[in-house]
Amino acid sequence: QVIIVESGGDLVQPGGSLTLSCAVDGVSQTVFSVYDMDWFRQSPGQQRQLVATITDEERVGFMDPSVKGRFTISRNNVKKTVYLQMNNLTLEDTGVYSCNKRAETLWSWGQGTQVTVSS
């Protein structure tokens, strides 16, 4: 059984920074490493939205224009973990952040991690 655990969310003031982690358990490093990985955000009252993608070759596959230049996505295949470094946070970045593989059949979703940007 694959278990995804997101962490790192917090309450932060506008302009602040956070680093989110997405750890995947229940798969081997080899399996983890072949997948592109996505970070999503679900803001209050909205559907889950793709924020960023990192490819299996550790390249940025996608970055939402609203976060480009402020967010950085990375991965550590040995740790089976994907990261989202978020800088210069704005009120619009508030939401529950979750991750999953980029595939037709997804792993079971984790709980997500709450990011609240508020003054």
C-alpha atoms as a PDB file:
ATOM      1  CA  GLN A   1       0.000   0.000   0.000  1.00  0.00           C
ATOM      2  CA  VAL A   2       1.362   3.379  -1.015  1.00  0.00           C
ATOM      3  CA  ILE A   3       1.194   6.081   1.624  1.00  0.00           C
ATOM      4  CA  ILE A   4       1.851   9.736   0.845  1.00  0.00           C
ATOM      5  CA  VAL A   5       2.664  12.089   3.686  1.00  0.00           C
ATOM      6  CA  GLU A   6       2.839  15.815   3.058  1.00  0.00           C
ATOM      7  CA  SER A   7       4.305  18.138   5.656  1.00  0.00           C
ATOM      8  CA  GLY A   8       5.721  21.590   6.165  1.00  0.00           C
ATOM      9  CA  GLY A   9       2.567  23.662   5.972  1.00  0.00           C
ATOM     10  CA  ASP A  10       2.066  26.494   8.419  1.00  0.00           C
ATOM     11  CA  LEU A  11       0.589  29.899   9.046  1.00  0.00           C
ATOM     12  CA  VAL A  12       2.845  32.505   7.509  1.00  0.00           C
ATOM     13  CA  GLN A  13       2.687  36.212   6.783  1.00  0.00           C
ATOM     14  CA  PRO A  14       2.642  37.564   3.239  1.00  0.00           C
ATOM     15  CA  GLY A  15       6.155  37.615   1.884  1.00  0.00           C
ATOM     16  CA  GLY A  16       7.187  34.666   4.003  1.00  0.00           C
ATOM     17  CA  SER A  17       8.633  31.336   2.948  1.00  0.00           C
ATOM     18  CA  LEU A  18       7.899  27.671   3.514  1.00  0.00           C
ATOM     19  CA  THR A  19       9.289  24.386   2.286  1.00  0.00           C
ATOM     20  CA  LEU A  20       6.826  21.557   1.819  1.00  0.00           C
ATOM     21  CA  SER A  21       7.756  17.894   1.709  1.00  0.00           C
ATOM     22  CA  CYS A  22       5.944  14.973   0.160  1.00  0.00           C
ATOM     23  CA  ALA A  23       7.244  11.595   1.291  1.00  0.00           C
ATOM     24  CA  VAL A  24       6.092   8.456  -0.466  1.00  0.00           C
ATOM     25  CA  ASP A  25       6.177   5.134   1.349  1.00  0.00           C
ATOM     26  CA  GLY A  26       5.275   1.689   0.083  1.00  0.00           C
ATOM     27  CA  VAL A  27       7.165   1.841  -3.219  1.00  0.00           C
ATOM     28  CA  SER A  28      10.785   1.209  -4.044  1.00  0.00           C
ATOM     29  CA  GLN A  29      13.200   3.965  -5.003  1.00  0.00           C
ATOM     30  CA  THR A  30      13.228   2.534  -8.495  1.00  0.00           C
ATOM     31  CA  VAL A  31       9.473   2.782  -8.871  1.00  0.00           C
ATOM     32  CA  PHE A  32       9.375   6.268  -7.361  1.00  0.00           C
ATOM     33  CA  SER A  33      12.128   7.527  -9.627  1.00  0.00           C
ATOM     34  CA  VAL A  34      10.392   6.694 -12.895  1.00  0.00           C
ATOM     35  CA  TYR A  35       7.404   8.938 -12.241  1.00  0.00           C
ATOM     36  CA  ASP A  36       6.991  12.615 -12.836  1.00  0.00           C
ATOM     37  CA  MET A  37       5.598  14.079  -9.625  1.00  0.00           C
ATOM     38  CA  ASP A  38       3.005  16.814  -9.175  1.00  0.00           C
ATOM     39  CA  TRP A  39       2.258  19.302  -6.428  1.00  0.00           C
ATOM     40  CA  PHE A  40      -1.337  20.483  -6.182  1.00  0.00           C
ATOM     41  CA  ARG A  41      -3.128  23.176  -4.228  1.00  0.00           C
ATOM     42  CA  GLN A  42      -6.759  23.192  -3.208  1.00  0.00           C
ATOM     43  CA  SER A  43      -7.834  26.639  -2.151  1.00  0.00           C
ATOM     44  CA  PRO A  44     -11.015  27.201  -0.128  1.00  0.00           C
ATOM     45  CA  GLY A  45     -14.062  26.629  -2.303  1.00  0.00           C
ATOM     46  CA  GLN A  46     -12.028  25.606  -5.321  1.00  0.00           C
ATOM     47  CA  GLN A  47     -10.989  22.409  -7.009  1.00  0.00           C
ATOM     48  CA  ARG A  48      -7.552  20.932  -6.696  1.00  0.00           C
ATOM     49  CA  GLN A  49      -5.195  22.801  -9.016  1.00  0.00           C
ATOM     50  CA  LEU A  50      -1.848  21.722 -10.401  1.00  0.00           C
ATOM     51  CA  VAL A  51       0.932  23.970  -9.124  1.00  0.00           C
ATOM     52  CA  ALA A  52       4.153  22.351 -10.283  1.00  0.00           C
ATOM     53  CA  THR A  53       5.552  19.202 -11.862  1.00  0.00           C
ATOM     54  CA  ILE A  54       9.001  17.702 -11.664  1.00  0.00           C
ATOM     55  CA  THR A  55       9.988  15.114 -14.224  1.00  0.00           C
ATOM     56  CA  ASP A  56      11.679  11.801 -13.594  1.00  0.00           C
ATOM     57  CA  GLU A  57      14.848  13.466 -14.886  1.00  0.00           C
ATOM     58  CA  GLU A  58      14.526  16.131 -12.173  1.00  0.00           C
ATOM     59  CA  ARG A  59      13.550  18.853 -14.591  1.00  0.00           C
ATOM     60  CA  VAL A  60      10.685  21.249 -14.069  1.00  0.00           C
ATOM     61  CA  GLY A  61       7.877  19.940 -16.225  1.00  0.00           C
ATOM     62  CA  PHE A  62       5.338  22.598 -15.294  1.00  0.00           C
ATOM     63  CA  MET A  63       5.091  25.638 -13.085  1.00  0.00           C
ATOM     64  CA  ASP A  64       1.844  27.549 -12.744  1.00  0.00           C
ATOM     65  CA  PRO A  65       2.373  31.123 -13.946  1.00  0.00           C
ATOM     66  CA  SER A  66       1.115  32.458 -10.627  1.00  0.00           C
ATOM     67  CA  VAL A  67       4.025  30.837  -8.771  1.00  0.00           C
ATOM     68  CA  LYS A  68       6.762  31.031 -11.374  1.00  0.00           C
ATOM     69  CA  GLY A  69       9.812  32.759  -9.957  1.00  0.00           C
ATOM     70  CA  ARG A  70       8.616  32.221  -6.393  1.00  0.00           C
ATOM     71  CA  PHE A  71       8.294  28.427  -6.064  1.00  0.00           C
ATOM     72  CA  THR A  72      10.904  25.761  -6.688  1.00  0.00           C
ATOM     73  CA  ILE A  73      10.151  22.071  -7.044  1.00  0.00           C
ATOM     74  CA  SER A  74      12.760  19.402  -6.414  1.00  0.00           C
ATOM     75  CA  ARG A  75      13.027  15.750  -5.546  1.00  0.00           C
ATOM     76  CA  ASN A  76      15.244  13.248  -3.763  1.00  0.00           C
ATOM     77  CA  ASN A  77      14.727   9.798  -5.222  1.00  0.00           C
ATOM     78  CA  VAL A  78      16.750   8.094  -2.493  1.00  0.00           C
ATOM     79  CA  LYS A  79      14.411   9.549   0.114  1.00  0.00           C
ATOM     80  CA  LYS A  80      11.390   9.136  -2.191  1.00  0.00           C
ATOM     81  CA  THR A  81      10.471  12.711  -1.396  1.00  0.00           C
ATOM     82  CA  VAL A  82       9.378  15.712  -3.422  1.00  0.00           C
ATOM     83  CA  TYR A  83       9.842  19.256  -2.156  1.00  0.00           C
ATOM     84  CA  LEU A  84       8.184  22.574  -2.862  1.00  0.00           C
ATOM     85  CA  GLN A  85      10.157  25.624  -1.798  1.00  0.00           C
ATOM     86  CA  MET A  86       7.783  28.569  -1.630  1.00  0.00           C
ATOM     87  CA  ASN A  87       9.047  32.131  -1.345  1.00  0.00           C
ATOM     88  CA  ASN A  88       7.352  35.512  -1.267  1.00  0.00           C
ATOM     89  CA  LEU A  89       4.052  33.917  -0.354  1.00  0.00           C
ATOM     90  CA  THR A  90       0.824  35.760  -1.094  1.00  0.00           C
ATOM     91  CA  LEU A  91      -2.709  35.443   0.223  1.00  0.00           C
ATOM     92  CA  GLU A  92      -3.630  33.551  -2.951  1.00  0.00           C
ATOM     93  CA  ASP A  93      -1.192  30.771  -2.054  1.00  0.00           C
ATOM     94  CA  THR A  94      -3.418  29.707   0.823  1.00  0.00           C
ATOM     95  CA  GLY A  95      -4.710  26.179   0.530  1.00  0.00           C
ATOM     96  CA  VAL A  96      -4.110  22.519   1.168  1.00  0.00           C
ATOM     97  CA  TYR A  97      -1.084  21.274  -0.734  1.00  0.00           C
ATOM     98  CA  SER A  98      -0.837  17.668  -1.810  1.00  0.00           C
ATOM     99  CA  CYS A  99       1.226  15.636  -4.195  1.00  0.00           C
ATOM    100  CA  ASN A 100       0.924  12.586  -6.380  1.00  0.00           C
ATOM    101  CA  LYS A 101       2.540  10.889  -9.306  1.00  0.00           C
ATOM    102  CA  ARG A 102       1.726  12.042 -12.813  1.00  0.00           C
ATOM    103  CA  ALA A 103      -0.034   9.002 -14.188  1.00  0.00           C
ATOM    104  CA  GLU A 104      -3.433   7.741 -15.304  1.00  0.00           C
ATOM    105  CA  THR A 105      -3.792   5.788 -12.107  1.00  0.00           C
ATOM    106  CA  LEU A 106      -2.823   7.793  -9.059  1.00  0.00           C
ATOM    107  CA  TRP A 107      -1.634   6.656  -5.683  1.00  0.00           C
ATOM    108  CA  SER A 108      -4.030   7.138  -2.785  1.00  0.00           C
ATOM    109  CA  TRP A 109      -4.012  10.773  -1.761  1.00  0.00           C
ATOM    110  CA  GLY A 110      -2.350  11.828   1.435  1.00  0.00           C
ATOM    111  CA  GLN A 111      -3.887  14.193   3.953  1.00  0.00           C
ATOM    112  CA  GLY A 112      -2.172  17.192   2.430  1.00  0.00           C
ATOM    113  CA  THR A 113      -0.557  20.001   4.334  1.00  0.00           C
ATOM    114  CA  GLN A 114      -2.264  23.306   5.099  1.00  0.00           C
ATOM    115  CA  VAL A 115      -0.610  26.552   4.059  1.00  0.00           C
ATOM    116  CA  THR A 116      -2.264  29.690   5.349  1.00  0.00           C
ATOM    117  CA  VAL A 117      -0.932  33.064   4.301  1.00  0.00           C
ATOM    118  CA  SER A 118      -2.375  35.806   6.446  1.00  0.00           C
ATOM    119  CA  SER A 119      -1.306  39.042   8.042  1.00  0.00           C
END
